[in-house]
Amino acid sequence: MDTTLEPLVAPHPNLTREETERYSRHLIIPEFGLDAQKRLKNAKVLVIGAGGLGSPALLYLAAAGVGTLGIVDDDVVDLSNLQRQVLHGVANVGQSKAASAEESIARLNPLVRVERHELRLDNTNALEIFAGYDLIVDGTDNFATRYLVSDAAEILGKPYVWGSILRFDGQVSVFWTKHGPSYRDLYPEAPPPGAVPSCAEGGVLGVLCAQIGSVMVNEAVKLITGIGDTLLGRVLIFNALEMTWREIKVRRDPSAQPVTELTDYEAFCGIVPVDNVNLPSVTATELEELLRQRESGVRDFDLIDVRETGEHQIVSIRGSRLVPKNQILTGEQTLDLNRETYVHCKVGGRSADVVRFLRANGHRHAYNVEGGIIEWVRQVEPDKPVY
């Protein structure tokens, strides 16, 4: 597969004196030069997510001189983001991530135009948004959105750079069905729901975002300017603990049918709407009263924390016992079916899954703790940390 491609963007007619000075270290590279810089100035790049990968991507795209940067993000800055999301600072906590990102880009390079899309990307808006850009940079952290990005890019014939991170591992590739494979060729089927933890559940080494994000920008610059060999047809895999890079090949499935329309991506990934209305549950304050009764000897029950060890070490509820979710669902750990049991996690989703599983297997006295430990800290022990 030929990974040397024609430039994606035509050059802008000129650079100003200020731009010439600002980008002079690019201009003196023989293989780059004035023409490539003018292509960057004329480029419109959409970055999906202003979080861990979006932070270094947006900063380096702006520093490089990409003329227009679009940002898709409907989230707000949280204190726990600051360990890796270097676009944002303490003063931005509670602010829209897209707005915070725009401020950071303006401080770094006011010559860059920013377009904010403060919404959740879905199958009703993706095509319209993507249509206004030359290139997509996908820094999302869930499979449903990744398949959506892949299909929308294929329908519109646009290339996109994809990156993924978790704990100490990262992956980067370029997908463009006009010239090579798509994300669906790498992952024909989505993993079962819950099989791969999110960064919020599994954690991520902060600096890994910079390592993978900078490679993503490197690929974006090559696509825009037409220099070098892209990662089209190749997946670069990085292990930060071993400090190793390796590469695997990926090719277009010759039997794959062209994507012609967007679909329900949560359904494709096996994510079905969950009705928790009739799930037996207690609130954080009700659990507090139950624990008082247990401590006084009036009541006896188990309080099970189904998060992971690292999460439990950050913050826990007194008297809880750690039994990670997967150990229960796989049968590695069993709970006494005759014991009254209350189950909690971080925000209530994993514990709800466990309670449904327990009830389906004959545990008639299992209850979910609504809102998990986040709600517990908010309502009962506000001096404890959250993550």
Protein backbone atom coordinates (compact mmCIF):
# COMPACT_ATOMS: atom_id res chain seq x y z
CA MET A 1 0.00 0.00 0.00
CA ASP A 2 1.37 3.40 -0.98
CA THR A 3 1.26 5.56 2.13
CA THR A 4 2.75 8.59 0.36
CA LEU A 5 -0.29 10.65 -0.57
CA GLU A 6 -0.96 13.85 -2.45
CA PRO A 7 -1.39 16.92 -0.22
CA LEU A 8 -4.87 17.07 1.23
CA VAL A 9 -5.14 20.87 1.15
CA ALA A 10 -4.22 23.46 -1.47
CA PRO A 11 -1.77 26.15 -0.31
CA HIS A 12 -2.99 29.54 0.88
CA PRO A 13 -1.92 32.34 -1.46
CA ASN A 14 0.55 33.85 1.02
CA LEU A 15 1.92 34.17 4.53
CA THR A 16 2.05 37.48 6.36
CA ARG A 17 5.29 38.82 7.82
CA GLU A 18 4.14 37.77 11.28
CA GLU A 19 3.33 34.25 10.08
CA THR A 20 6.68 33.99 8.31
CA GLU A 21 8.49 34.84 11.54
CA ARG A 22 6.27 32.64 13.70
CA TYR A 23 6.67 29.56 11.52
CA SER A 24 10.27 30.20 10.44
CA ARG A 25 11.57 26.94 11.95
CA HIS A 26 9.20 25.08 9.64
CA LEU A 27 10.09 27.17 6.63
CA ILE A 28 13.81 26.40 6.80
CA ILE A 29 13.27 22.62 6.73
CA PRO A 30 14.13 21.64 3.13
CA GLU A 31 11.46 18.90 2.99
CA PHE A 32 8.79 21.21 4.40
CA GLY A 33 9.22 24.84 3.47
CA LEU A 34 6.87 27.63 2.45
CA ASP A 35 4.46 25.53 0.41
CA ALA A 36 3.70 23.12 3.25
CA GLN A 37 3.18 25.98 5.71
CA LYS A 38 0.71 27.66 3.36
CA ARG A 39 -1.19 24.38 3.15
CA LEU A 40 -1.43 24.29 6.96
CA LYS A 41 -2.75 27.86 6.94
CA ASN A 42 -5.47 26.86 4.50
CA ALA A 43 -6.45 23.67 6.37
CA LYS A 44 -9.57 23.07 8.43
CA VAL A 45 -9.16 20.31 11.01
CA LEU A 46 -11.88 18.98 13.31
CA VAL A 47 -10.74 17.58 16.65
CA ILE A 48 -13.27 15.41 18.43
CA GLY A 49 -12.77 15.71 22.16
CA ALA A 50 -10.86 18.42 24.05
CA GLY A 51 -9.66 15.95 26.67
CA GLY A 52 -6.60 13.75 27.08
CA LEU A 53 -5.72 13.33 23.40
CA GLY A 54 -7.48 16.48 22.22
CA SER A 55 -5.35 18.65 24.50
CA PRO A 56 -1.94 17.99 22.90
CA ALA A 57 -3.54 17.62 19.49
CA LEU A 58 -5.20 21.04 19.60
CA LEU A 59 -2.14 22.75 21.07
CA TYR A 60 0.29 21.38 18.51
CA LEU A 61 -2.08 21.85 15.58
CA ALA A 62 -2.50 25.47 16.65
CA ALA A 63 1.23 25.95 17.16
CA ALA A 64 1.90 24.43 13.74
CA GLY A 65 -0.33 27.02 12.09
CA VAL A 66 -3.44 25.11 11.06
CA GLY A 67 -5.77 27.90 9.91
CA THR A 68 -9.07 26.62 11.32
CA LEU A 69 -9.59 24.24 14.22
CA GLY A 70 -13.00 22.81 15.04
CA ILE A 71 -13.64 21.40 18.51
CA VAL A 72 -16.41 18.94 19.33
CA ASP A 73 -16.98 18.52 23.06
CA ASP A 74 -20.06 18.84 25.28
CA ASP A 75 -18.27 18.27 28.60
CA VAL A 76 -17.01 20.66 31.28
CA VAL A 77 -13.59 20.76 32.93
CA ASP A 78 -13.29 18.68 36.08
CA LEU A 79 -10.45 18.77 38.61
CA SER A 80 -9.60 15.13 37.80
CA ASN A 81 -8.97 16.16 34.15
CA LEU A 82 -5.97 18.32 35.00
CA GLN A 83 -3.59 15.36 35.47
CA ARG A 84 -3.49 14.93 31.67
CA GLN A 85 -5.68 17.48 29.88
CA VAL A 86 -3.08 20.24 29.57
CA LEU A 87 -5.37 22.59 27.64
CA HIS A 88 -7.13 23.37 30.90
CA GLY A 89 -6.13 24.82 34.26
CA VAL A 90 -7.55 25.24 37.74
CA ALA A 91 -9.31 28.44 36.71
CA ASN A 92 -11.21 26.51 34.01
CA VAL A 93 -12.79 23.93 36.34
CA GLY A 94 -16.53 23.97 35.70
CA GLN A 95 -16.11 25.73 32.34
CA SER A 96 -17.01 24.24 28.99
CA LYS A 97 -14.02 22.30 27.66
CA ALA A 98 -14.51 23.75 24.20
CA ALA A 99 -14.49 27.30 25.57
CA SER A 100 -11.46 26.57 27.75
CA ALA A 101 -9.68 25.07 24.75
CA GLU A 102 -10.45 28.13 22.63
CA GLU A 103 -8.92 30.38 25.29
CA SER A 104 -5.75 28.27 25.43
CA ILE A 105 -5.42 28.26 21.64
CA ALA A 106 -5.88 32.05 21.52
CA ARG A 107 -3.08 32.51 24.05
CA LEU A 108 -0.80 30.22 22.06
CA ASN A 109 -1.63 31.36 18.51
CA PRO A 110 -4.26 34.08 17.96
CA LEU A 111 -3.88 33.59 14.20
CA VAL A 112 -5.85 30.34 14.39
CA ARG A 113 -9.63 30.48 13.91
CA VAL A 114 -11.59 28.27 16.33
CA GLU A 115 -15.04 26.84 15.70
CA ARG A 116 -16.77 25.39 18.74
CA HIS A 117 -19.29 22.56 18.51
CA GLU A 118 -20.50 22.23 22.09
CA LEU A 119 -22.68 19.20 21.57
CA ARG A 120 -22.59 15.43 21.71
CA LEU A 121 -21.60 13.96 18.35
CA ASP A 122 -24.20 11.50 17.09
CA ASN A 123 -25.72 10.14 13.89
CA THR A 124 -27.96 13.19 13.49
CA ASN A 125 -25.18 15.80 13.31
CA ALA A 126 -21.91 14.08 12.38
CA LEU A 127 -22.21 14.38 8.60
CA GLU A 128 -23.15 18.06 8.71
CA ILE A 129 -20.27 18.90 11.05
CA PHE A 130 -17.66 16.80 9.23
CA ALA A 131 -18.59 18.33 5.87
CA GLY A 132 -16.98 21.63 6.83
CA TYR A 133 -13.50 20.19 7.46
CA ASP A 134 -10.66 18.67 5.47
CA LEU A 135 -9.48 16.24 8.14
CA ILE A 136 -10.84 14.66 11.32
CA VAL A 137 -8.76 13.92 14.42
CA ASP A 138 -10.52 11.42 16.67
CA GLY A 139 -9.52 11.50 20.32
CA THR A 140 -12.70 9.96 21.75
CA ASP A 141 -12.70 7.28 24.43
CA ASN A 142 -15.69 5.12 23.54
CA PHE A 143 -16.32 2.58 20.81
CA ALA A 144 -19.72 3.87 19.73
CA THR A 145 -18.31 7.28 18.76
CA ARG A 146 -15.28 5.71 17.05
CA TYR A 147 -17.51 3.67 14.74
CA LEU A 148 -19.63 6.75 14.11
CA VAL A 149 -16.52 8.75 13.14
CA SER A 150 -15.34 5.94 10.87
CA ASP A 151 -18.64 5.67 9.02
CA ALA A 152 -19.20 9.41 8.69
CA ALA A 153 -15.68 9.89 7.34
CA GLU A 154 -16.18 7.04 4.85
CA ILE A 155 -19.48 8.44 3.58
CA LEU A 156 -17.89 11.87 3.03
CA GLY A 157 -14.63 10.47 1.67
CA LYS A 158 -12.54 12.20 4.33
CA PRO A 159 -9.39 10.93 6.06
CA TYR A 160 -9.07 10.84 9.81
CA VAL A 161 -6.39 10.26 12.40
CA TRP A 162 -7.32 7.96 15.26
CA GLY A 163 -5.70 7.57 18.66
CA SER A 164 -6.51 5.50 21.73
CA ILE A 165 -5.04 5.37 25.24
CA LEU A 166 -5.56 3.34 28.41
CA ARG A 167 -3.31 2.99 31.43
CA PHE A 168 0.20 2.68 29.90
CA ASP A 169 -0.75 1.76 26.32
CA GLY A 170 -1.56 3.80 23.24
CA GLN A 171 -2.39 3.24 19.57
CA VAL A 172 -2.37 5.53 16.55
CA SER A 173 -3.39 5.06 12.91
CA VAL A 174 -4.74 6.83 9.85
CA PHE A 175 -7.93 5.67 8.15
CA TRP A 176 -9.11 6.74 4.71
CA THR A 177 -11.26 4.34 2.70
CA LYS A 178 -10.42 6.18 -0.52
CA HIS A 179 -6.86 4.88 -0.17
CA GLY A 180 -6.92 2.14 2.47
CA PRO A 181 -8.66 0.66 5.51
CA SER A 182 -11.18 2.07 7.95
CA TYR A 183 -11.55 1.60 11.68
CA ARG A 184 -13.97 -1.25 10.96
CA ASP A 185 -11.16 -3.15 9.25
CA LEU A 186 -9.14 -2.95 12.46
CA TYR A 187 -12.10 -3.73 14.72
CA PRO A 188 -14.85 -5.45 12.68
CA GLU A 189 -16.85 -6.04 15.85
CA ALA A 190 -17.13 -3.96 18.97
CA PRO A 191 -15.98 -5.59 22.23
CA PRO A 192 -18.72 -6.57 24.67
CA PRO A 193 -19.97 -3.68 26.80
CA GLY A 194 -17.74 -3.28 29.86
CA ALA A 195 -14.97 -5.51 28.47
CA VAL A 196 -12.65 -2.51 27.97
CA PRO A 197 -12.70 0.04 30.81
CA SER A 198 -12.77 3.73 30.07
CA CYS A 199 -9.98 5.97 31.33
CA ALA A 200 -12.34 7.05 34.12
CA GLU A 201 -12.56 3.42 35.26
CA GLY A 202 -9.15 2.05 34.30
CA GLY A 203 -6.95 5.12 34.55
CA VAL A 204 -4.32 6.52 32.23
CA LEU A 205 -0.74 7.75 32.68
CA GLY A 206 -1.04 11.48 32.06
CA VAL A 207 2.06 11.87 29.89
CA LEU A 208 0.84 9.08 27.58
CA CYS A 209 -1.69 11.57 26.21
CA ALA A 210 1.14 13.80 25.02
CA GLN A 211 3.06 10.91 23.49
CA ILE A 212 0.10 9.61 21.49
CA GLY A 213 -1.43 13.03 20.81
CA SER A 214 1.81 14.34 19.30
CA VAL A 215 1.99 11.36 16.93
CA MET A 216 -1.59 12.08 15.86
CA VAL A 217 -0.63 15.67 15.02
CA ASN A 218 2.42 14.42 13.13
CA GLU A 219 0.10 12.33 10.95
CA ALA A 220 -2.32 15.21 10.47
CA VAL A 221 0.49 17.50 9.31
CA LYS A 222 1.73 14.88 6.83
CA LEU A 223 -1.76 14.38 5.40
CA ILE A 224 -2.35 18.12 5.00
CA THR A 225 1.01 18.86 3.41
CA GLY A 226 1.69 15.63 1.52
CA ILE A 227 5.12 15.04 3.08
CA GLY A 228 6.43 11.70 4.32
CA ASP A 229 4.75 8.30 4.70
CA THR A 230 1.52 8.23 6.68
CA LEU A 231 0.28 5.52 9.05
CA LEU A 232 -2.40 4.55 6.56
CA GLY A 233 -2.59 0.75 6.72
CA ARG A 234 -0.43 0.63 9.82
CA VAL A 235 -1.24 0.81 13.54
CA LEU A 236 1.50 2.13 15.79
CA ILE A 237 1.32 0.62 19.29
CA PHE A 238 3.15 2.16 22.23
CA ASN A 239 3.88 0.71 25.67
CA ALA A 240 5.02 3.43 28.07
CA LEU A 241 6.25 1.00 30.75
CA GLU A 242 8.56 -0.85 28.37
CA MET A 243 9.15 2.27 26.26
CA THR A 244 8.58 0.27 23.09
CA TRP A 245 6.88 1.02 19.79
CA ARG A 246 5.68 -1.72 17.50
CA GLU A 247 3.65 -1.77 14.33
CA ILE A 248 0.95 -3.99 12.89
CA LYS A 249 -0.47 -3.95 9.37
CA VAL A 250 -4.15 -3.53 8.62
CA ARG A 251 -5.75 -3.82 5.20
CA ARG A 252 -9.13 -3.10 3.72
CA ASP A 253 -11.46 -6.10 3.86
CA PRO A 254 -12.11 -6.89 0.18
CA SER A 255 -15.58 -8.20 1.05
CA ALA A 256 -16.57 -5.11 3.05
CA GLN A 257 -19.63 -3.31 1.80
CA PRO A 258 -19.32 0.48 1.43
CA VAL A 259 -20.94 2.46 4.23
CA THR A 260 -23.78 4.53 2.84
CA GLU A 261 -25.65 5.67 5.95
CA LEU A 262 -25.19 6.14 9.66
CA THR A 263 -26.82 3.80 12.14
CA ASP A 264 -27.51 3.39 15.87
CA TYR A 265 -23.97 3.02 17.20
CA GLU A 266 -24.86 2.34 20.81
CA ALA A 267 -27.00 -0.57 19.62
CA PHE A 268 -24.14 -1.74 17.36
CA CYS A 269 -21.83 -1.75 20.38
CA GLY A 270 -24.38 -3.63 22.47
CA ILE A 271 -25.16 -0.62 24.64
CA VAL A 272 -28.85 -0.80 25.32
CA PRO A 273 -30.84 1.74 27.30
CA VAL A 274 -31.07 0.54 30.87
CA ASP A 275 -34.20 1.05 32.91
CA ASN A 276 -33.14 1.51 36.52
CA VAL A 277 -36.56 2.69 37.61
CA ASN A 278 -37.57 -0.68 39.04
CA LEU A 279 -34.10 -1.69 40.23
CA PRO A 280 -34.10 -2.09 44.03
CA SER A 281 -31.93 0.77 45.26
CA VAL A 282 -31.04 3.02 48.16
CA THR A 283 -29.72 6.57 48.21
CA ALA A 284 -26.45 7.61 49.82
CA THR A 285 -28.22 9.07 52.83
CA GLU A 286 -30.32 5.91 53.24
CA LEU A 287 -27.11 3.87 53.16
CA GLU A 288 -25.65 6.12 55.85
CA GLU A 289 -28.58 5.28 58.14
CA LEU A 290 -28.25 1.58 57.33
CA LEU A 291 -24.56 1.67 58.28
CA ARG A 292 -25.45 3.35 61.58
CA GLN A 293 -27.90 0.52 62.27
CA ARG A 294 -25.28 -2.08 61.39
CA GLU A 295 -22.71 -0.45 63.65
CA SER A 296 -25.20 -0.42 66.53
CA GLY A 297 -26.00 -4.10 66.00
CA VAL A 298 -29.59 -3.50 64.89
CA ARG A 299 -28.98 -4.71 61.34
CA ASP A 300 -26.57 -7.01 59.51
CA PHE A 301 -25.71 -6.83 55.82
CA ASP A 302 -22.83 -6.72 53.32
CA LEU A 303 -21.67 -3.55 51.56
CA ILE A 304 -19.85 -4.52 48.37
CA ASP A 305 -17.63 -2.11 46.41
CA VAL A 306 -17.39 -3.35 42.80
CA ARG A 307 -14.79 -0.83 41.61
CA GLU A 308 -11.12 -1.64 40.96
CA THR A 309 -8.37 -1.71 43.59
CA GLY A 310 -6.89 1.66 42.60
CA GLU A 311 -10.27 3.35 42.87
CA HIS A 312 -10.90 1.82 46.30
CA GLN A 313 -7.53 3.10 47.53
CA ILE A 314 -8.43 6.68 46.58
CA VAL A 315 -11.70 6.76 48.50
CA SER A 316 -13.98 4.19 50.10
CA ILE A 317 -17.07 3.90 52.29
CA ARG A 318 -16.44 2.64 55.79
CA GLY A 319 -17.26 -1.00 56.25
CA SER A 320 -17.30 -1.82 52.52
CA ARG A 321 -15.67 -4.90 51.01
CA LEU A 322 -13.93 -4.67 47.66
CA VAL A 323 -15.03 -7.27 45.09
CA PRO A 324 -14.43 -5.94 41.54
CA LYS A 325 -17.35 -6.22 39.15
CA ASN A 326 -15.77 -8.67 36.71
CA GLN A 327 -14.89 -11.08 39.51
CA ILE A 328 -18.59 -11.31 40.35
CA LEU A 329 -19.86 -11.51 36.77
CA THR A 330 -17.36 -14.23 35.83
CA GLY A 331 -18.04 -16.27 38.99
CA GLU A 332 -14.49 -15.85 40.29
CA GLN A 333 -16.01 -14.44 43.47
CA THR A 334 -19.43 -15.42 44.79
CA LEU A 335 -21.67 -13.64 47.26
CA ASP A 336 -23.93 -15.23 49.84
CA LEU A 337 -27.40 -15.31 48.27
CA ASN A 338 -29.01 -15.26 51.68
CA ARG A 339 -27.30 -12.10 52.88
CA GLU A 340 -28.79 -8.64 52.54
CA THR A 341 -26.34 -6.96 50.17
CA TYR A 342 -25.81 -3.36 49.07
CA VAL A 343 -23.60 -2.73 46.04
CA HIS A 344 -21.84 0.46 45.02
CA CYS A 345 -19.33 1.67 42.43
CA LYS A 346 -18.23 5.14 41.32
CA VAL A 347 -21.50 6.55 39.95
CA GLY A 348 -23.94 3.64 40.04
CA GLY A 349 -23.64 2.04 36.60
CA ARG A 350 -21.36 -0.90 37.35
CA SER A 351 -23.13 -1.63 40.62
CA ALA A 352 -26.49 -1.62 38.83
CA ASP A 353 -25.12 -4.25 36.42
CA VAL A 354 -24.01 -6.38 39.37
CA VAL A 355 -27.35 -6.06 41.16
CA ARG A 356 -29.21 -7.10 38.01
CA PHE A 357 -26.84 -10.06 37.66
CA LEU A 358 -27.29 -11.09 41.30
CA ARG A 359 -31.07 -10.81 41.15
CA ALA A 360 -31.16 -12.82 37.93
CA ASN A 361 -29.20 -15.53 39.71
CA GLY A 362 -31.46 -15.81 42.74
CA HIS A 363 -30.14 -13.12 45.06
CA ARG A 364 -33.41 -11.56 46.27
CA HIS A 365 -31.78 -9.17 48.75
CA ALA A 366 -29.33 -7.24 46.51
CA TYR A 367 -29.68 -3.45 46.27
CA ASN A 368 -27.92 -0.77 44.25
CA VAL A 369 -26.50 2.38 45.83
CA GLU A 370 -27.68 5.23 43.60
CA GLY A 371 -24.95 7.60 42.46
CA GLY A 372 -22.19 5.45 43.93
CA ILE A 373 -19.34 6.88 45.92
CA ILE A 374 -19.55 10.22 44.11
CA GLU A 375 -23.00 10.79 45.60
CA TRP A 376 -21.80 9.42 48.96
CA VAL A 377 -19.03 12.04 49.11
CA ARG A 378 -21.37 14.77 47.94
CA GLN A 379 -24.08 14.04 50.52
CA VAL A 380 -22.38 12.26 53.42
CA GLU A 381 -18.60 12.78 53.58
CA PRO A 382 -17.79 15.93 51.59
CA ASP A 383 -14.22 16.07 52.96
CA LYS A 384 -13.27 12.90 51.09
CA PRO A 385 -11.73 13.12 47.59
CA VAL A 386 -13.44 12.22 44.34
CA TYR A 387 -11.79 11.21 41.08
